[in-house]
Amino acid sequence: MKESKKLLSGTIFEEELEVSLTDICYRFNLSTDEIVEMVEEGILDPSQKQQNLWLFNAQALRRLQIALRIQRDLQVNLAGVALALDLLDEINHLRTQILIR
């Protein structure tokens, strides 16, 4: 019987990394409007309030990757993606609390 090998793929982001709105659009092949919608839904949280000064850290980039995967795989709208991400964050928080005890 032939064994299939599964390869993991992904991107590693430096924790200190900060990416501009232009860079994030380029890296993820998204429009500025799509990123603005994600910020408005609470999916992404830029470091500044002024759009032309927005910077996104490594955590935001990981969150964006997950959001795009949820959208693609489950065909969920942005409000649903935001809810799913909040629930995933809550699960991780609860797991951390259990491990601490």
PDB file of N, CA and C in Angstrom:
ATOM      1  N   MET A   1       0.843  -1.173   0.000  1.00  0.00           N
ATOM      2  CA  MET A   1       0.000   0.000   0.000  1.00  0.00           C
ATOM      3  C   MET A   1       0.890   1.238   0.000  1.00  0.00           C
ATOM      4  N   LYS A   2       0.573   2.157  -0.854  1.00  0.00           N
ATOM      5  CA  LYS A   2       1.370   3.366  -1.001  1.00  0.00           C
ATOM      6  C   LYS A   2       0.977   4.390   0.055  1.00  0.00           C
ATOM      7  N   GLU A   3       1.971   4.942   0.763  1.00  0.00           N
ATOM      8  CA  GLU A   3       1.714   5.964   1.770  1.00  0.00           C
ATOM      9  C   GLU A   3       1.748   7.344   1.128  1.00  0.00           C
ATOM     10  N   SER A   4       0.779   8.165   1.497  1.00  0.00           N
ATOM     11  CA  SER A   4       0.810   9.539   1.003  1.00  0.00           C
ATOM     12  C   SER A   4       1.450  10.418   2.071  1.00  0.00           C
ATOM     13  N   LYS A   5       2.268  11.320   1.626  1.00  0.00           N
ATOM     14  CA  LYS A   5       2.934  12.234   2.543  1.00  0.00           C
ATOM     15  C   LYS A   5       2.209  13.564   2.519  1.00  0.00           C
ATOM     16  N   LYS A   6       1.972  14.100   3.694  1.00  0.00           N
ATOM     17  CA  LYS A   6       1.338  15.408   3.797  1.00  0.00           C
ATOM     18  C   LYS A   6       2.403  16.431   4.136  1.00  0.00           C
ATOM     19  N   LEU A   7       2.415  17.487   3.366  1.00  0.00           N
ATOM     20  CA  LEU A   7       3.368  18.562   3.605  1.00  0.00           C
ATOM     21  C   LEU A   7       2.658  19.714   4.283  1.00  0.00           C
ATOM     22  N   LEU A   8       3.322  20.280   5.254  1.00  0.00           N
ATOM     23  CA  LEU A   8       2.792  21.464   5.915  1.00  0.00           C
ATOM     24  C   LEU A   8       3.324  22.690   5.203  1.00  0.00           C
ATOM     25  N   SER A   9       2.471  23.635   5.020  1.00  0.00           N
ATOM     26  CA  SER A   9       2.933  24.885   4.437  1.00  0.00           C
ATOM     27  C   SER A   9       2.430  26.027   5.283  1.00  0.00           C
ATOM     28  N   GLY A  10       3.134  27.112   5.263  1.00  0.00           N
ATOM     29  CA  GLY A  10       2.723  28.261   6.056  1.00  0.00           C
ATOM     30  C   GLY A  10       3.767  29.357   5.972  1.00  0.00           C
ATOM     31  N   THR A  11       3.494  30.390   6.701  1.00  0.00           N
ATOM     32  CA  THR A  11       4.391  31.525   6.739  1.00  0.00           C
ATOM     33  C   THR A  11       4.723  31.820   8.188  1.00  0.00           C
ATOM     34  N   ILE A  12       5.979  32.061   8.461  1.00  0.00           N
ATOM     35  CA  ILE A  12       6.410  32.416   9.808  1.00  0.00           C
ATOM     36  C   ILE A  12       6.629  33.920   9.829  1.00  0.00           C
ATOM     37  N   PHE A  13       5.992  34.578  10.793  1.00  0.00           N
ATOM     38  CA  PHE A  13       6.124  36.022  10.924  1.00  0.00           C
ATOM     39  C   PHE A  13       6.916  36.333  12.183  1.00  0.00           C
ATOM     40  N   GLU A  14       7.827  37.284  12.089  1.00  0.00           N
ATOM     41  CA  GLU A  14       8.555  37.746  13.257  1.00  0.00           C
ATOM     42  C   GLU A  14       7.595  38.500  14.165  1.00  0.00           C
ATOM     43  N   GLU A  15       7.733  38.288  15.469  1.00  0.00           N
ATOM     44  CA  GLU A  15       6.823  38.924  16.417  1.00  0.00           C
ATOM     45  C   GLU A  15       6.886  40.446  16.366  1.00  0.00           C
ATOM     46  N   GLU A  16       8.046  41.007  16.052  1.00  0.00           N
ATOM     47  CA  GLU A  16       8.201  42.460  16.026  1.00  0.00           C
ATOM     48  C   GLU A  16       7.790  43.060  14.684  1.00  0.00           C
ATOM     49  N   LEU A  17       7.427  42.237  13.753  1.00  0.00           N
ATOM     50  CA  LEU A  17       7.085  42.674  12.413  1.00  0.00           C
ATOM     51  C   LEU A  17       5.886  43.610  12.413  1.00  0.00           C
ATOM     52  N   GLU A  18       5.978  44.677  11.655  1.00  0.00           N
ATOM     53  CA  GLU A  18       4.839  45.555  11.415  1.00  0.00           C
ATOM     54  C   GLU A  18       4.768  45.821   9.922  1.00  0.00           C
ATOM     55  N   VAL A  19       3.576  45.638   9.370  1.00  0.00           N
ATOM     56  CA  VAL A  19       3.375  45.738   7.931  1.00  0.00           C
ATOM     57  C   VAL A  19       2.373  46.846   7.645  1.00  0.00           C
ATOM     58  N   SER A  20       2.647  47.647   6.640  1.00  0.00           N
ATOM     59  CA  SER A  20       1.742  48.735   6.263  1.00  0.00           C
ATOM     60  C   SER A  20       0.524  48.192   5.524  1.00  0.00           C
ATOM     61  N   LEU A  21      -0.462  49.044   5.364  1.00  0.00           N
ATOM     62  CA  LEU A  21      -1.668  48.680   4.624  1.00  0.00           C
ATOM     63  C   LEU A  21      -1.314  48.282   3.197  1.00  0.00           C
ATOM     64  N   THR A  22      -0.436  49.035   2.563  1.00  0.00           N
ATOM     65  CA  THR A  22      -0.018  48.722   1.189  1.00  0.00           C
ATOM     66  C   THR A  22       0.647  47.359   1.120  1.00  0.00           C
ATOM     67  N   ASP A  23       1.534  47.083   2.074  1.00  0.00           N
ATOM     68  CA  ASP A  23       2.242  45.794   2.099  1.00  0.00           C
ATOM     69  C   ASP A  23       1.290  44.626   2.330  1.00  0.00           C
ATOM     70  N   ILE A  24       0.351  44.803   3.245  1.00  0.00           N
ATOM     71  CA  ILE A  24      -0.579  43.705   3.547  1.00  0.00           C
ATOM     72  C   ILE A  24      -1.474  43.425   2.334  1.00  0.00           C
ATOM     73  N   CYS A  25      -1.858  44.466   1.621  1.00  0.00           N
ATOM     74  CA  CYS A  25      -2.661  44.276   0.402  1.00  0.00           C
ATOM     75  C   CYS A  25      -1.863  43.497  -0.632  1.00  0.00           C
ATOM     76  N   TYR A  26      -0.605  43.857  -0.781  1.00  0.00           N
ATOM     77  CA  TYR A  26       0.264  43.185  -1.752  1.00  0.00           C
ATOM     78  C   TYR A  26       0.520  41.734  -1.350  1.00  0.00           C
ATOM     79  N   ARG A  27       0.893  41.516  -0.095  1.00  0.00           N
ATOM     80  CA  ARG A  27       1.232  40.159   0.374  1.00  0.00           C
ATOM     81  C   ARG A  27       0.060  39.185   0.275  1.00  0.00           C
ATOM     82  N   PHE A  28      -1.153  39.677   0.525  1.00  0.00           N
ATOM     83  CA  PHE A  28      -2.317  38.801   0.551  1.00  0.00           C
ATOM     84  C   PHE A  28      -3.215  38.968  -0.678  1.00  0.00           C
ATOM     85  N   ASN A  29      -2.773  39.772  -1.638  1.00  0.00           N
ATOM     86  CA  ASN A  29      -3.527  39.997  -2.866  1.00  0.00           C
ATOM     87  C   ASN A  29      -4.958  40.462  -2.564  1.00  0.00           C
ATOM     88  N   LEU A  30      -5.052  41.474  -1.705  1.00  0.00           N
ATOM     89  CA  LEU A  30      -6.336  42.031  -1.306  1.00  0.00           C
ATOM     90  C   LEU A  30      -6.369  43.519  -1.646  1.00  0.00           C
ATOM     91  N   SER A  31      -7.573  44.036  -1.798  1.00  0.00           N
ATOM     92  CA  SER A  31      -7.712  45.471  -2.040  1.00  0.00           C
ATOM     93  C   SER A  31      -7.738  46.217  -0.705  1.00  0.00           C
ATOM     94  N   THR A  32      -7.483  47.495  -0.766  1.00  0.00           N
ATOM     95  CA  THR A  32      -7.574  48.337   0.430  1.00  0.00           C
ATOM     96  C   THR A  32      -8.976  48.266   1.022  1.00  0.00           C
ATOM     97  N   ASP A  33      -9.982  48.278   0.160  1.00  0.00           N
ATOM     98  CA  ASP A  33     -11.373  48.203   0.642  1.00  0.00           C
ATOM     99  C   ASP A  33     -11.638  46.926   1.427  1.00  0.00           C
ATOM    100  N   GLU A  34     -11.055  45.804   0.985  1.00  0.00           N
ATOM    101  CA  GLU A  34     -11.251  44.537   1.703  1.00  0.00           C
ATOM    102  C   GLU A  34     -10.634  44.601   3.100  1.00  0.00           C
ATOM    103  N   ILE A  35      -9.451  45.204   3.207  1.00  0.00           N
ATOM    104  CA  ILE A  35      -8.802  45.343   4.514  1.00  0.00           C
ATOM    105  C   ILE A  35      -9.606  46.294   5.396  1.00  0.00           C
ATOM    106  N   VAL A  36     -10.089  47.391   4.832  1.00  0.00           N
ATOM    107  CA  VAL A  36     -10.900  48.349   5.585  1.00  0.00           C
ATOM    108  C   VAL A  36     -12.148  47.649   6.144  1.00  0.00           C
ATOM    109  N   GLU A  37     -12.794  46.820   5.329  1.00  0.00           N
ATOM    110  CA  GLU A  37     -13.969  46.081   5.797  1.00  0.00           C
ATOM    111  C   GLU A  37     -13.613  45.155   6.958  1.00  0.00           C
ATOM    112  N   MET A  38     -12.456  44.517   6.880  1.00  0.00           N
ATOM    113  CA  MET A  38     -12.028  43.617   7.952  1.00  0.00           C
ATOM    114  C   MET A  38     -11.738  44.393   9.233  1.00  0.00           C
ATOM    115  N   VAL A  39     -11.183  45.577   9.099  1.00  0.00           N
ATOM    116  CA  VAL A  39     -10.949  46.423  10.274  1.00  0.00           C
ATOM    117  C   VAL A  39     -12.292  46.841  10.871  1.00  0.00           C
ATOM    118  N   GLU A  40     -13.224  47.228  10.024  1.00  0.00           N
ATOM    119  CA  GLU A  40     -14.549  47.649  10.500  1.00  0.00           C
ATOM    120  C   GLU A  40     -15.299  46.515  11.197  1.00  0.00           C
ATOM    121  N   GLU A  41     -15.095  45.269  10.758  1.00  0.00           N
ATOM    122  CA  GLU A  41     -15.742  44.107  11.378  1.00  0.00           C
ATOM    123  C   GLU A  41     -15.025  43.647  12.647  1.00  0.00           C
ATOM    124  N   GLY A  42     -13.838  44.212  12.910  1.00  0.00           N
ATOM    125  CA  GLY A  42     -13.090  43.820  14.098  1.00  0.00           C
ATOM    126  C   GLY A  42     -12.190  42.625  13.877  1.00  0.00           C
ATOM    127  N   ILE A  43     -12.015  42.226  12.636  1.00  0.00           N
ATOM    128  CA  ILE A  43     -11.139  41.095  12.324  1.00  0.00           C
ATOM    129  C   ILE A  43      -9.683  41.510  12.481  1.00  0.00           C
ATOM    130  N   LEU A  44      -9.357  42.700  12.022  1.00  0.00           N
ATOM    131  CA  LEU A  44      -8.002  43.239  12.132  1.00  0.00           C
ATOM    132  C   LEU A  44      -8.023  44.495  12.983  1.00  0.00           C
ATOM    133  N   ASP A  45      -6.931  44.704  13.697  1.00  0.00           N
ATOM    134  CA  ASP A  45      -6.815  45.865  14.572  1.00  0.00           C
ATOM    135  C   ASP A  45      -5.502  46.579  14.263  1.00  0.00           C
ATOM    136  N   PRO A  46      -5.554  47.632  13.453  1.00  0.00           N
ATOM    137  CA  PRO A  46      -4.321  48.344  13.113  1.00  0.00           C
ATOM    138  C   PRO A  46      -3.787  49.122  14.307  1.00  0.00           C
ATOM    139  N   SER A  47      -2.498  49.454  14.225  1.00  0.00           N
ATOM    140  CA  SER A  47      -1.847  50.143  15.345  1.00  0.00           C
ATOM    141  C   SER A  47      -2.251  51.607  15.468  1.00  0.00           C
ATOM    142  N   GLN A  48      -2.749  52.214  14.418  1.00  0.00           N
ATOM    143  CA  GLN A  48      -3.141  53.624  14.423  1.00  0.00           C
ATOM    144  C   GLN A  48      -4.596  53.757  13.994  1.00  0.00           C
ATOM    145  N   LYS A  49      -5.212  54.864  14.349  1.00  0.00           N
ATOM    146  CA  LYS A  49      -6.594  55.117  13.937  1.00  0.00           C
ATOM    147  C   LYS A  49      -6.675  55.668  12.519  1.00  0.00           C
ATOM    148  N   GLN A  50      -5.671  56.459  12.119  1.00  0.00           N
ATOM    149  CA  GLN A  50      -5.651  57.062  10.794  1.00  0.00           C
ATOM    150  C   GLN A  50      -5.250  56.023   9.758  1.00  0.00           C
ATOM    151  N   GLN A  51      -6.102  55.803   8.757  1.00  0.00           N
ATOM    152  CA  GLN A  51      -5.878  54.746   7.772  1.00  0.00           C
ATOM    153  C   GLN A  51      -4.525  54.846   7.076  1.00  0.00           C
ATOM    154  N   ASN A  52      -4.071  56.030   6.750  1.00  0.00           N
ATOM    155  CA  ASN A  52      -2.789  56.157   6.046  1.00  0.00           C
ATOM    156  C   ASN A  52      -1.594  55.839   6.947  1.00  0.00           C
ATOM    157  N   LEU A  53      -1.820  55.665   8.250  1.00  0.00           N
ATOM    158  CA  LEU A  53      -0.752  55.303   9.187  1.00  0.00           C
ATOM    159  C   LEU A  53      -0.879  53.864   9.706  1.00  0.00           C
ATOM    160  N   TRP A  54      -1.854  53.123   9.201  1.00  0.00           N
ATOM    161  CA  TRP A  54      -2.092  51.768   9.698  1.00  0.00           C
ATOM    162  C   TRP A  54      -0.853  50.889   9.558  1.00  0.00           C
ATOM    163  N   LEU A  55      -0.554  50.187  10.639  1.00  0.00           N
ATOM    164  CA  LEU A  55       0.458  49.138  10.642  1.00  0.00           C
ATOM    165  C   LEU A  55      -0.180  47.911  11.274  1.00  0.00           C
ATOM    166  N   PHE A  56       0.184  46.734  10.783  1.00  0.00           N
ATOM    167  CA  PHE A  56      -0.360  45.479  11.286  1.00  0.00           C
ATOM    168  C   PHE A  56       0.782  44.617  11.778  1.00  0.00           C
ATOM    169  N   ASN A  57       0.639  44.073  12.997  1.00  0.00           N
ATOM    170  CA  ASN A  57       1.698  43.255  13.577  1.00  0.00           C
ATOM    171  C   ASN A  57       1.541  41.791  13.164  1.00  0.00           C
ATOM    172  N   ALA A  58       2.453  40.954  13.645  1.00  0.00           N
ATOM    173  CA  ALA A  58       2.457  39.537  13.288  1.00  0.00           C
ATOM    174  C   ALA A  58       1.164  38.844  13.712  1.00  0.00           C
ATOM    175  N   GLN A  59       0.626  39.209  14.861  1.00  0.00           N
ATOM    176  CA  GLN A  59      -0.633  38.616  15.314  1.00  0.00           C
ATOM    177  C   GLN A  59      -1.771  38.941  14.339  1.00  0.00           C
ATOM    178  N   ALA A  60      -1.801  40.159  13.843  1.00  0.00           N
ATOM    179  CA  ALA A  60      -2.824  40.556  12.871  1.00  0.00           C
ATOM    180  C   ALA A  60      -2.672  39.774  11.568  1.00  0.00           C
ATOM    181  N   LEU A  61      -1.439  39.531  11.154  1.00  0.00           N
ATOM    182  CA  LEU A  61      -1.203  38.771   9.927  1.00  0.00           C
ATOM    183  C   LEU A  61      -1.648  37.325  10.083  1.00  0.00           C
ATOM    184  N   ARG A  62      -1.366  36.730  11.245  1.00  0.00           N
ATOM    185  CA  ARG A  62      -1.839  35.360  11.499  1.00  0.00           C
ATOM    186  C   ARG A  62      -3.363  35.320  11.506  1.00  0.00           C
ATOM    187  N   ARG A  63      -3.968  36.318  12.138  1.00  0.00           N
ATOM    188  CA  ARG A  63      -5.429  36.411  12.200  1.00  0.00           C
ATOM    189  C   ARG A  63      -6.024  36.574  10.791  1.00  0.00           C
ATOM    190  N   LEU A  64      -5.344  37.358   9.956  1.00  0.00           N
ATOM    191  CA  LEU A  64      -5.796  37.538   8.579  1.00  0.00           C
ATOM    192  C   LEU A  64      -5.714  36.226   7.806  1.00  0.00           C
ATOM    193  N   GLN A  65      -4.638  35.479   7.989  1.00  0.00           N
ATOM    194  CA  GLN A  65      -4.511  34.179   7.326  1.00  0.00           C
ATOM    195  C   GLN A  65      -5.671  33.261   7.705  1.00  0.00           C
ATOM    196  N   ILE A  66      -5.983  33.203   8.991  1.00  0.00           N
ATOM    197  CA  ILE A  66      -7.081  32.355   9.460  1.00  0.00           C
ATOM    198  C   ILE A  66      -8.406  32.855   8.890  1.00  0.00           C
ATOM    199  N   ALA A  67      -8.605  34.171   8.897  1.00  0.00           N
ATOM    200  CA  ALA A  67      -9.842  34.756   8.371  1.00  0.00           C
ATOM    201  C   ALA A  67     -10.032  34.394   6.900  1.00  0.00           C
ATOM    202  N   LEU A  68      -8.978  34.510   6.128  1.00  0.00           N
ATOM    203  CA  LEU A  68      -9.076  34.194   4.707  1.00  0.00           C
ATOM    204  C   LEU A  68      -9.351  32.710   4.484  1.00  0.00           C
ATOM    205  N   ARG A  69      -8.769  31.871   5.325  1.00  0.00           N
ATOM    206  CA  ARG A  69      -9.006  30.431   5.228  1.00  0.00           C
ATOM    207  C   ARG A  69     -10.458  30.102   5.566  1.00  0.00           C
ATOM    208  N   ILE A  70     -10.991  30.738   6.600  1.00  0.00           N
ATOM    209  CA  ILE A  70     -12.395  30.523   6.972  1.00  0.00           C
ATOM    210  C   ILE A  70     -13.302  30.969   5.832  1.00  0.00           C
ATOM    211  N   GLN A  71     -13.016  32.133   5.269  1.00  0.00           N
ATOM    212  CA  GLN A  71     -13.818  32.631   4.146  1.00  0.00           C
ATOM    213  C   GLN A  71     -13.767  31.671   2.965  1.00  0.00           C
ATOM    214  N   ARG A  72     -12.576  31.238   2.625  1.00  0.00           N
ATOM    215  CA  ARG A  72     -12.396  30.369   1.465  1.00  0.00           C
ATOM    216  C   ARG A  72     -13.007  28.991   1.680  1.00  0.00           C
ATOM    217  N   ASP A  73     -12.676  28.363   2.806  1.00  0.00           N
ATOM    218  CA  ASP A  73     -13.092  26.978   3.029  1.00  0.00           C
ATOM    219  C   ASP A  73     -14.558  26.842   3.426  1.00  0.00           C
ATOM    220  N   LEU A  74     -15.048  27.771   4.222  1.00  0.00           N
ATOM    221  CA  LEU A  74     -16.417  27.670   4.731  1.00  0.00           C
ATOM    222  C   LEU A  74     -17.381  28.644   4.074  1.00  0.00           C
ATOM    223  N   GLN A  75     -16.855  29.529   3.252  1.00  0.00           N
ATOM    224  CA  GLN A  75     -17.640  30.539   2.550  1.00  0.00           C
ATOM    225  C   GLN A  75     -18.531  31.335   3.510  1.00  0.00           C
ATOM    226  N   VAL A  76     -17.875  31.828   4.560  1.00  0.00           N
ATOM    227  CA  VAL A  76     -18.543  32.594   5.607  1.00  0.00           C
ATOM    228  C   VAL A  76     -18.337  34.080   5.318  1.00  0.00           C
ATOM    229  N   ASN A  77     -19.364  34.901   5.584  1.00  0.00           N
ATOM    230  CA  ASN A  77     -19.224  36.346   5.390  1.00  0.00           C
ATOM    231  C   ASN A  77     -18.339  36.936   6.490  1.00  0.00           C
ATOM    232  N   LEU A  78     -17.990  38.209   6.358  1.00  0.00           N
ATOM    233  CA  LEU A  78     -17.050  38.830   7.299  1.00  0.00           C
ATOM    234  C   LEU A  78     -17.566  38.847   8.733  1.00  0.00           C
ATOM    235  N   ALA A  79     -18.859  39.071   8.925  1.00  0.00           N
ATOM    236  CA  ALA A  79     -19.412  39.051  10.283  1.00  0.00           C
ATOM    237  C   ALA A  79     -19.249  37.657  10.898  1.00  0.00           C
ATOM    238  N   GLY A  80     -19.466  36.632  10.106  1.00  0.00           N
ATOM    239  CA  GLY A  80     -19.277  35.253  10.577  1.00  0.00           C
ATOM    240  C   GLY A  80     -17.822  34.940  10.857  1.00  0.00           C
ATOM    241  N   VAL A  81     -16.943  35.462  10.019  1.00  0.00           N
ATOM    242  CA  VAL A  81     -15.505  35.272  10.232  1.00  0.00           C
ATOM    243  C   VAL A  81     -15.084  35.923  11.542  1.00  0.00           C
ATOM    244  N   ALA A  82     -15.568  37.145  11.786  1.00  0.00           N
ATOM    245  CA  ALA A  82     -15.235  37.847  13.032  1.00  0.00           C
ATOM    246  C   ALA A  82     -15.714  37.046  14.240  1.00  0.00           C
ATOM    247  N   LEU A  83     -16.920  36.507  14.162  1.00  0.00           N
ATOM    248  CA  LEU A  83     -17.455  35.690  15.257  1.00  0.00           C
ATOM    249  C   LEU A  83     -16.613  34.433  15.456  1.00  0.00           C
ATOM    250  N   ALA A  84     -16.275  33.762  14.366  1.00  0.00           N
ATOM    251  CA  ALA A  84     -15.459  32.551  14.457  1.00  0.00           C
ATOM    252  C   ALA A  84     -14.102  32.841  15.085  1.00  0.00           C
ATOM    253  N   LEU A  85     -13.487  33.951  14.695  1.00  0.00           N
ATOM    254  CA  LEU A  85     -12.189  34.315  15.267  1.00  0.00           C
ATOM    255  C   LEU A  85     -12.307  34.634  16.753  1.00  0.00           C
ATOM    256  N   ASP A  86     -13.365  35.320  17.139  1.00  0.00           N
ATOM    257  CA  ASP A  86     -13.585  35.608  18.563  1.00  0.00           C
ATOM    258  C   ASP A  86     -13.767  34.319  19.356  1.00  0.00           C
ATOM    259  N   LEU A  87     -14.500  33.377  18.798  1.00  0.00           N
ATOM    260  CA  LEU A  87     -14.699  32.094  19.476  1.00  0.00           C
ATOM    261  C   LEU A  87     -13.397  31.310  19.570  1.00  0.00           C
ATOM    262  N   LEU A  88     -12.588  31.337  18.511  1.00  0.00           N
ATOM    263  CA  LEU A  88     -11.281  30.672  18.557  1.00  0.00           C
ATOM    264  C   LEU A  88     -10.378  31.314  19.607  1.00  0.00           C
ATOM    265  N   ASP A  89     -10.419  32.631  19.709  1.00  0.00           N
ATOM    266  CA  ASP A  89      -9.638  33.335  20.734  1.00  0.00           C
ATOM    267  C   ASP A  89     -10.094  32.929  22.128  1.00  0.00           C
ATOM    268  N   GLU A  90     -11.396  32.816  22.315  1.00  0.00           N
ATOM    269  CA  GLU A  90     -11.937  32.426  23.621  1.00  0.00           C
ATOM    270  C   GLU A  90     -11.528  30.995  23.974  1.00  0.00           C
ATOM    271  N   ILE A  91     -11.563  30.103  23.009  1.00  0.00           N
ATOM    272  CA  ILE A  91     -11.123  28.717  23.237  1.00  0.00           C
ATOM    273  C   ILE A  91      -9.662  28.698  23.659  1.00  0.00           C
ATOM    274  N   ASN A  92      -8.819  29.453  22.951  1.00  0.00           N
ATOM    275  CA  ASN A  92      -7.391  29.506  23.312  1.00  0.00           C
ATOM    276  C   ASN A  92      -7.189  30.086  24.705  1.00  0.00           C
ATOM    277  N   HIS A  93      -7.962  31.107  25.045  1.00  0.00           N
ATOM    278  CA  HIS A  93      -7.877  31.699  26.382  1.00  0.00           C
ATOM    279  C   HIS A  93      -8.264  30.676  27.453  1.00  0.00           C
ATOM    280  N   LEU A  94      -9.340  29.947  27.224  1.00  0.00           N
ATOM    281  CA  LEU A  94      -9.780  28.939  28.192  1.00  0.00           C
ATOM    282  C   LEU A  94      -8.769  27.805  28.323  1.00  0.00           C
ATOM    283  N   ARG A  95      -8.174  27.399  27.211  1.00  0.00           N
ATOM    284  CA  ARG A  95      -7.132  26.354  27.263  1.00  0.00           C
ATOM    285  C   ARG A  95      -5.947  26.826  28.099  1.00  0.00           C
ATOM    286  N   THR A  96      -5.575  28.072  27.924  1.00  0.00           N
ATOM    287  CA  THR A  96      -4.467  28.641  28.691  1.00  0.00           C
ATOM    288  C   THR A  96      -4.820  28.638  30.176  1.00  0.00           C
ATOM    289  N   GLN A  97      -6.045  29.014  30.525  1.00  0.00           N
ATOM    290  CA  GLN A  97      -6.480  29.033  31.916  1.00  0.00           C
ATOM    291  C   GLN A  97      -6.424  27.631  32.528  1.00  0.00           C
ATOM    292  N   ILE A  98      -6.817  26.632  31.752  1.00  0.00           N
ATOM    293  CA  ILE A  98      -6.796  25.257  32.251  1.00  0.00           C
ATOM    294  C   ILE A  98      -5.355  24.808  32.497  1.00  0.00           C
ATOM    295  N   LEU A  99      -4.442  25.168  31.600  1.00  0.00           N
ATOM    296  CA  LEU A  99      -3.048  24.773  31.743  1.00  0.00           C
ATOM    297  C   LEU A  99      -2.384  25.457  32.920  1.00  0.00           C
ATOM    298  N   ILE A 100      -2.801  26.670  33.246  1.00  0.00           N
ATOM    299  CA  ILE A 100      -2.206  27.419  34.344  1.00  0.00           C
ATOM    300  C   ILE A 100      -2.600  26.789  35.680  1.00  0.00           C
ATOM    301  N   ARG A 101      -3.783  26.278  35.769  1.00  0.00           N
ATOM    302  CA  ARG A 101      -4.273  25.700  37.030  1.00  0.00           C
ATOM    303  C   ARG A 101      -3.669  24.410  37.300  1.00  0.00           C
TER     304      ARG A 101
END
